[in-house]
C-alpha atoms as a PDB file:
ATOM      1  CA  MET A   1      39.231   0.770  23.184  1.00  0.00           C
ATOM      2  CA  ILE A   2      41.194  -2.322  22.382  1.00  0.00           C
ATOM      3  CA  LYS A   3      44.762  -1.980  23.730  1.00  0.00           C
ATOM      4  CA  VAL A   4      47.016  -5.005  23.691  1.00  0.00           C
ATOM      5  CA  CYS A   5      49.678  -6.107  25.779  1.00  0.00           C
ATOM      6  CA  ILE A   6      52.228  -8.519  24.745  1.00  0.00           C
ATOM      7  CA  LEU A   7      54.036 -10.250  27.640  1.00  0.00           C
ATOM      8  CA  ASP A   8      57.815 -10.963  27.144  1.00  0.00           C
ATOM      9  CA  TYR A   9      59.656 -13.397  29.362  1.00  0.00           C
ATOM     10  CA  GLY A  10      62.548 -13.996  26.688  1.00  0.00           C
ATOM     11  CA  SER A  11      61.344 -17.221  25.245  1.00  0.00           C
ATOM     12  CA  GLY A  12      58.691 -16.133  22.685  1.00  0.00           C
ATOM     13  CA  ASN A  13      58.249 -14.906  19.070  1.00  0.00           C
ATOM     14  CA  VAL A  14      57.362 -11.625  20.591  1.00  0.00           C
ATOM     15  CA  LYS A  15      58.501  -9.687  17.856  1.00  0.00           C
ATOM     16  CA  SER A  16      56.564 -11.683  15.318  1.00  0.00           C
ATOM     17  CA  VAL A  17      53.222 -11.428  17.409  1.00  0.00           C
ATOM     18  CA  TYR A  18      53.962  -7.725  17.931  1.00  0.00           C
ATOM     19  CA  ASN A  19      54.334  -7.254  13.901  1.00  0.00           C
ATOM     20  CA  LEU A  20      51.169  -9.165  13.292  1.00  0.00           C
ATOM     21  CA  VAL A  21      48.923  -7.221  15.818  1.00  0.00           C
ATOM     22  CA  SER A  22      50.334  -3.932  14.720  1.00  0.00           C
ATOM     23  CA  PHE A  23      49.626  -4.903  11.097  1.00  0.00           C
ATOM     24  CA  LEU A  24      45.991  -5.467  11.851  1.00  0.00           C
ATOM     25  CA  GLY A  25      45.747  -2.032  13.017  1.00  0.00           C
ATOM     26  CA  TYR A  26      45.709  -2.493  16.683  1.00  0.00           C
ATOM     27  CA  ASN A  27      47.051  -0.294  19.571  1.00  0.00           C
ATOM     28  CA  VAL A  28      49.935  -2.946  20.998  1.00  0.00           C
ATOM     29  CA  ILE A  29      52.611  -2.742  23.448  1.00  0.00           C
ATOM     30  CA  VAL A  30      55.272  -5.240  24.554  1.00  0.00           C
ATOM     31  CA  SER A  31      55.245  -4.941  28.400  1.00  0.00           C
ATOM     32  CA  ASN A  32      55.535  -6.945  31.901  1.00  0.00           C
ATOM     33  CA  GLU A  33      54.712  -3.560  33.707  1.00  0.00           C
ATOM     34  CA  ARG A  34      51.838  -3.825  35.976  1.00  0.00           C
ATOM     35  CA  ILE A  35      50.413  -0.601  34.741  1.00  0.00           C
ATOM     36  CA  GLU A  36      50.136  -1.838  31.220  1.00  0.00           C
ATOM     37  CA  ILE A  37      48.668  -5.228  32.004  1.00  0.00           C
ATOM     38  CA  GLU A  38      46.098  -3.190  33.992  1.00  0.00           C
ATOM     39  CA  SER A  39      45.332  -0.833  31.371  1.00  0.00           C
ATOM     40  CA  ALA A  40      45.195  -3.470  28.466  1.00  0.00           C
ATOM     41  CA  SER A  41      41.718  -4.966  27.154  1.00  0.00           C
ATOM     42  CA  HIS A  42      43.522  -7.975  25.579  1.00  0.00           C
ATOM     43  CA  ILE A  43      46.787  -9.789  27.080  1.00  0.00           C
ATOM     44  CA  ILE A  44      48.855 -12.252  24.797  1.00  0.00           C
ATOM     45  CA  LEU A  45      51.408 -14.593  26.281  1.00  0.00           C
ATOM     46  CA  PRO A  46      53.687 -16.017  23.266  1.00  0.00           C
ATOM     47  CA  GLY A  47      55.932 -18.980  24.035  1.00  0.00           C
ATOM     48  CA  VAL A  48      58.861 -21.029  22.499  1.00  0.00           C
ATOM     49  CA  GLY A  49      60.832 -23.936  24.274  1.00  0.00           C
ATOM     50  CA  SER A  50      60.010 -26.185  27.304  1.00  0.00           C
ATOM     51  CA  PHE A  51      57.522 -26.087  29.717  1.00  0.00           C
ATOM     52  CA  GLY A  52      59.738 -25.894  32.862  1.00  0.00           C
ATOM     53  CA  ALA A  53      62.241 -23.331  31.449  1.00  0.00           C
ATOM     54  CA  ALA A  54      59.299 -21.135  30.522  1.00  0.00           C
ATOM     55  CA  MET A  55      57.689 -21.276  33.890  1.00  0.00           C
ATOM     56  CA  GLU A  56      60.982 -20.591  35.480  1.00  0.00           C
ATOM     57  CA  LYS A  57      61.399 -17.243  33.588  1.00  0.00           C
ATOM     58  CA  ILE A  58      57.598 -16.446  33.804  1.00  0.00           C
ATOM     59  CA  SER A  59      57.700 -16.752  37.612  1.00  0.00           C
ATOM     60  CA  THR A  60      60.818 -14.249  37.854  1.00  0.00           C
ATOM     61  CA  GLN A  61      59.888 -11.774  35.026  1.00  0.00           C
ATOM     62  CA  ILE A  62      55.860 -11.517  35.010  1.00  0.00           C
ATOM     63  CA  PRO A  63      53.929 -10.260  37.949  1.00  0.00           C
ATOM     64  CA  LEU A  64      51.522 -13.245  37.955  1.00  0.00           C
ATOM     65  CA  LYS A  65      49.326 -12.227  40.831  1.00  0.00           C
ATOM     66  CA  VAL A  66      48.571  -8.874  38.777  1.00  0.00           C
ATOM     67  CA  LEU A  67      47.817 -10.950  35.456  1.00  0.00           C
ATOM     68  CA  GLU A  68      45.569 -13.354  37.476  1.00  0.00           C
ATOM     69  CA  TYR A  69      43.783 -10.630  38.846  1.00  0.00           C
ATOM     70  CA  GLU A  70      43.214  -8.925  35.716  1.00  0.00           C
ATOM     71  CA  VAL A  71      42.185 -12.060  33.886  1.00  0.00           C
ATOM     72  CA  PHE A  72      40.000 -13.769  36.354  1.00  0.00           C
ATOM     73  CA  ASN A  73      38.347 -10.396  38.365  1.00  0.00           C
ATOM     74  CA  ASN A  74      38.538  -7.960  35.503  1.00  0.00           C
ATOM     75  CA  LYS A  75      37.867 -10.464  32.780  1.00  0.00           C
ATOM     76  CA  LYS A  76      40.605  -9.293  30.483  1.00  0.00           C
ATOM     77  CA  LEU A  77      40.815 -11.340  27.228  1.00  0.00           C
ATOM     78  CA  PHE A  78      43.706 -13.548  27.362  1.00  0.00           C
ATOM     79  CA  LEU A  79      45.568 -15.532  24.612  1.00  0.00           C
ATOM     80  CA  GLY A  80      48.341 -18.075  25.213  1.00  0.00           C
ATOM     81  CA  ILE A  81      50.257 -19.149  22.250  1.00  0.00           C
ATOM     82  CA  CYS A  82      52.163 -22.612  21.932  1.00  0.00           C
ATOM     83  CA  VAL A  83      53.963 -22.893  25.385  1.00  0.00           C
ATOM     84  CA  GLY A  84      51.905 -19.990  26.494  1.00  0.00           C
ATOM     85  CA  MET A  85      48.932 -21.965  26.295  1.00  0.00           C
ATOM     86  CA  GLN A  86      50.704 -25.004  27.888  1.00  0.00           C
ATOM     87  CA  VAL A  87      51.622 -23.368  30.787  1.00  0.00           C
ATOM     88  CA  LEU A  88      47.843 -22.430  31.566  1.00  0.00           C
ATOM     89  CA  ALA A  89      47.633 -26.276  32.470  1.00  0.00           C
ATOM     90  CA  GLU A  90      48.047 -27.595  36.023  1.00  0.00           C
ATOM     91  CA  LYS A  91      51.035 -29.750  35.279  1.00  0.00           C
ATOM     92  CA  GLY A  92      53.623 -30.233  32.549  1.00  0.00           C
ATOM     93  CA  TYR A  93      55.814 -33.223  31.906  1.00  0.00           C
ATOM     94  CA  GLU A  94      58.704 -32.000  29.699  1.00  0.00           C
ATOM     95  CA  HIS A  95      62.023 -32.916  31.335  1.00  0.00           C
ATOM     96  CA  GLY A  96      60.388 -33.732  34.631  1.00  0.00           C
ATOM     97  CA  GLU A  97      57.220 -32.884  36.536  1.00  0.00           C
ATOM     98  CA  HIS A  98      56.579 -28.933  36.478  1.00  0.00           C
ATOM     99  CA  ASP A  99      53.705 -26.893  38.135  1.00  0.00           C
ATOM    100  CA  GLY A 100      51.683 -24.475  35.504  1.00  0.00           C
ATOM    101  CA  PHE A 101      49.275 -21.600  36.364  1.00  0.00           C
ATOM    102  CA  GLY A 102      46.453 -24.007  36.974  1.00  0.00           C
ATOM    103  CA  TRP A 103      44.044 -21.793  35.114  1.00  0.00           C
ATOM    104  CA  ILE A 104      42.846 -24.835  32.795  1.00  0.00           C
ATOM    105  CA  PRO A 105      42.440 -28.485  34.384  1.00  0.00           C
ATOM    106  CA  GLY A 106      44.739 -30.760  32.697  1.00  0.00           C
ATOM    107  CA  THR A 107      48.285 -31.911  32.033  1.00  0.00           C
ATOM    108  CA  VAL A 108      50.823 -31.282  29.307  1.00  0.00           C
ATOM    109  CA  GLU A 109      52.334 -34.612  28.010  1.00  0.00           C
ATOM    110  CA  LYS A 110      54.306 -35.532  25.070  1.00  0.00           C
ATOM    111  CA  LEU A 111      52.509 -36.409  21.704  1.00  0.00           C
ATOM    112  CA  GLN A 112      51.739 -40.072  21.175  1.00  0.00           C
ATOM    113  CA  VAL A 113      53.490 -41.000  17.964  1.00  0.00           C
ATOM    114  CA  GLU A 114      55.056 -44.110  16.523  1.00  0.00           C
ATOM    115  CA  ASN A 115      55.584 -43.647  12.956  1.00  0.00           C
ATOM    116  CA  LEU A 116      55.965 -39.707  12.564  1.00  0.00           C
ATOM    117  CA  PRO A 117      58.895 -37.755  13.702  1.00  0.00           C
ATOM    118  CA  LEU A 118      58.878 -35.275  16.817  1.00  0.00           C
ATOM    119  CA  PRO A 119      58.727 -32.409  17.019  1.00  0.00           C
ATOM    120  CA  HIS A 120      55.496 -31.754  14.871  1.00  0.00           C
ATOM    121  CA  ILE A 121      56.769 -29.221  12.625  1.00  0.00           C
ATOM    122  CA  GLY A 122      54.710 -27.762   9.743  1.00  0.00           C
ATOM    123  CA  TRP A 123      51.020 -26.809   8.547  1.00  0.00           C
ATOM    124  CA  ASN A 124      48.234 -29.183   9.955  1.00  0.00           C
ATOM    125  CA  GLU A 125      44.506 -28.656   9.848  1.00  0.00           C
ATOM    126  CA  ILE A 126      42.443 -27.843  13.026  1.00  0.00           C
ATOM    127  CA  ILE A 127      39.077 -29.913  13.517  1.00  0.00           C
ATOM    128  CA  ILE A 128      36.443 -27.673  14.953  1.00  0.00           C
ATOM    129  CA  LYS A 129      34.799 -29.202  18.234  1.00  0.00           C
ATOM    130  CA  GLN A 130      32.942 -26.311  19.531  1.00  0.00           C
ATOM    131  CA  ASP A 131      31.453 -23.169  17.840  1.00  0.00           C
ATOM    132  CA  SER A 132      33.276 -19.749  18.918  1.00  0.00           C
ATOM    133  CA  ASP A 133      33.640 -16.406  17.952  1.00  0.00           C
ATOM    134  CA  PHE A 134      37.593 -17.136  17.699  1.00  0.00           C
ATOM    135  CA  PHE A 135      36.968 -19.061  14.501  1.00  0.00           C
ATOM    136  CA  THR A 136      34.476 -16.715  12.839  1.00  0.00           C
ATOM    137  CA  ASP A 137      34.761 -16.558   8.941  1.00  0.00           C
ATOM    138  CA  LEU A 138      37.768 -18.655   8.399  1.00  0.00           C
ATOM    139  CA  GLY A 139      35.963 -20.482   5.680  1.00  0.00           C
ATOM    140  CA  ASP A 140      38.143 -23.340   4.137  1.00  0.00           C
ATOM    141  CA  ILE A 141      41.199 -21.949   5.371  1.00  0.00           C
ATOM    142  CA  LYS A 142      41.843 -24.092   8.702  1.00  0.00           C
ATOM    143  CA  ASP A 143      45.770 -24.896   8.283  1.00  0.00           C
ATOM    144  CA  PHE A 144      48.022 -23.292  10.936  1.00  0.00           C
ATOM    145  CA  TYR A 145      51.657 -23.782  11.529  1.00  0.00           C
ATOM    146  CA  PHE A 146      52.982 -25.844  14.188  1.00  0.00           C
ATOM    147  CA  VAL A 147      56.068 -26.481  16.059  1.00  0.00           C
ATOM    148  CA  HIS A 148      55.874 -28.700  19.336  1.00  0.00           C
ATOM    149  CA  SER A 149      56.435 -32.150  20.801  1.00  0.00           C
ATOM    150  CA  TYR A 150      53.835 -31.840  23.685  1.00  0.00           C
ATOM    151  CA  ALA A 151      50.229 -30.856  24.101  1.00  0.00           C
ATOM    152  CA  ILE A 152      47.514 -30.161  26.658  1.00  0.00           C
ATOM    153  CA  LYS A 153      45.216 -32.820  27.917  1.00  0.00           C
ATOM    154  CA  THR A 154      42.162 -31.334  29.108  1.00  0.00           C
ATOM    155  CA  ASP A 155      38.351 -31.894  29.543  1.00  0.00           C
ATOM    156  CA  ASP A 156      36.336 -31.874  26.407  1.00  0.00           C
ATOM    157  CA  SER A 157      34.546 -28.941  27.577  1.00  0.00           C
ATOM    158  CA  TYR A 158      37.640 -26.710  27.167  1.00  0.00           C
ATOM    159  CA  ILE A 159      38.603 -28.148  23.728  1.00  0.00           C
ATOM    160  CA  LEU A 160      37.752 -25.627  20.686  1.00  0.00           C
ATOM    161  CA  THR A 161      39.700 -27.573  18.433  1.00  0.00           C
ATOM    162  CA  GLU A 162      41.823 -30.697  17.621  1.00  0.00           C
ATOM    163  CA  THR A 163      44.439 -31.581  15.112  1.00  0.00           C
ATOM    164  CA  ASN A 164      45.686 -35.222  13.852  1.00  0.00           C
ATOM    165  CA  TYR A 165      49.250 -36.052  14.037  1.00  0.00           C
ATOM    166  CA  GLU A 166      49.000 -39.940  14.124  1.00  0.00           C
ATOM    167  CA  SER A 167      46.301 -39.361  16.875  1.00  0.00           C
ATOM    168  CA  ASN A 168      44.279 -36.307  17.682  1.00  0.00           C
ATOM    169  CA  PHE A 169      45.608 -33.552  20.149  1.00  0.00           C
ATOM    170  CA  CYS A 170      44.043 -30.606  21.362  1.00  0.00           C
ATOM    171  CA  SER A 171      45.195 -27.511  19.346  1.00  0.00           C
ATOM    172  CA  SER A 172      43.086 -24.711  21.077  1.00  0.00           C
ATOM    173  CA  ILE A 173      41.018 -24.278  24.140  1.00  0.00           C
ATOM    174  CA  LYS A 174      38.695 -21.659  25.810  1.00  0.00           C
ATOM    175  CA  LYS A 175      37.582 -21.315  29.322  1.00  0.00           C
ATOM    176  CA  GLU A 176      35.400 -18.078  29.606  1.00  0.00           C
ATOM    177  CA  ASN A 177      37.459 -15.169  28.638  1.00  0.00           C
ATOM    178  CA  ILE A 178      40.888 -17.399  28.503  1.00  0.00           C
ATOM    179  CA  TYR A 179      42.000 -18.728  25.052  1.00  0.00           C
ATOM    180  CA  GLY A 180      44.956 -20.724  24.024  1.00  0.00           C
ATOM    181  CA  VAL A 181      46.478 -22.183  20.624  1.00  0.00           C
ATOM    182  CA  GLN A 182      48.999 -24.924  20.349  1.00  0.00           C
ATOM    183  CA  PHE A 183      49.744 -23.417  16.823  1.00  0.00           C
ATOM    184  CA  HIS A 184      51.757 -20.335  15.906  1.00  0.00           C
ATOM    185  CA  PRO A 185      48.944 -17.536  14.550  1.00  0.00           C
ATOM    186  CA  GLU A 186      52.165 -15.069  13.778  1.00  0.00           C
ATOM    187  CA  LYS A 187      53.417 -17.862  11.513  1.00  0.00           C
ATOM    188  CA  SER A 188      50.331 -18.943  10.011  1.00  0.00           C
ATOM    189  CA  GLN A 189      49.914 -16.099   7.251  1.00  0.00           C
ATOM    190  CA  LYS A 190      46.218 -15.347   6.295  1.00  0.00           C
ATOM    191  CA  SER A 191      44.550 -17.730   8.718  1.00  0.00           C
ATOM    192  CA  GLY A 192      46.836 -16.367  11.711  1.00  0.00           C
ATOM    193  CA  GLN A 193      45.745 -12.778  10.611  1.00  0.00           C
ATOM    194  CA  LYS A 194      42.126 -13.651  10.702  1.00  0.00           C
ATOM    195  CA  LEU A 195      42.314 -15.490  14.173  1.00  0.00           C
ATOM    196  CA  MET A 196      44.063 -12.679  15.800  1.00  0.00           C
ATOM    197  CA  HIS A 197      41.688 -10.189  14.422  1.00  0.00           C
ATOM    198  CA  ASN A 198      38.810 -12.342  15.702  1.00  0.00           C
ATOM    199  CA  PHE A 199      40.471 -12.755  19.202  1.00  0.00           C
ATOM    200  CA  LEU A 200      40.953  -8.816  19.205  1.00  0.00           C
ATOM    201  CA  SER A 201      37.413  -8.466  18.287  1.00  0.00           C
ATOM    202  CA  ILE A 202      35.963 -10.317  21.199  1.00  0.00           C
ATOM    203  CA  SER A 203      34.868  -7.961  24.250  1.00  0.00           C
END
């Protein structure tokens, strides 16, 4: 049975993500409690704000050892959104150097732009680099909503999609049962609904 647990450390679009998952008809709860993380089939970590501030809150509010055990040992499906994806990296360089989860090899660095404004805000297209059930049946609808100034740099083998904003950056990742998106599915209307449905259909 699909049971979704959305983690909440106070810096994410938690209500919007909850509303999206609930709208799609799935059993969903917002909780950082061990029992809920252990009983979930799918775990979502939303995120808004800076890497360092997010990690500081996560480390005090989310039981990371429990989360890591469920993701790595019990192979729970995991989705990080925006900063919730960025913290999966080893290091982040927003307002100094900060340690991340280290689940995905790589670093989070500022977007390299000269002629476009930061943050990168608005709708932009994803360029699929690897086939994945995550992006099944999207058809021609490949625009998603972004709000960010930093992006993860990692090995090509983990990159599902890229997006161009003066130059290409990684906009989604996958490592076994771990997924991450730089964009916001909960703000991406029909494309976001389809993507979230695809994630929750993976078992």
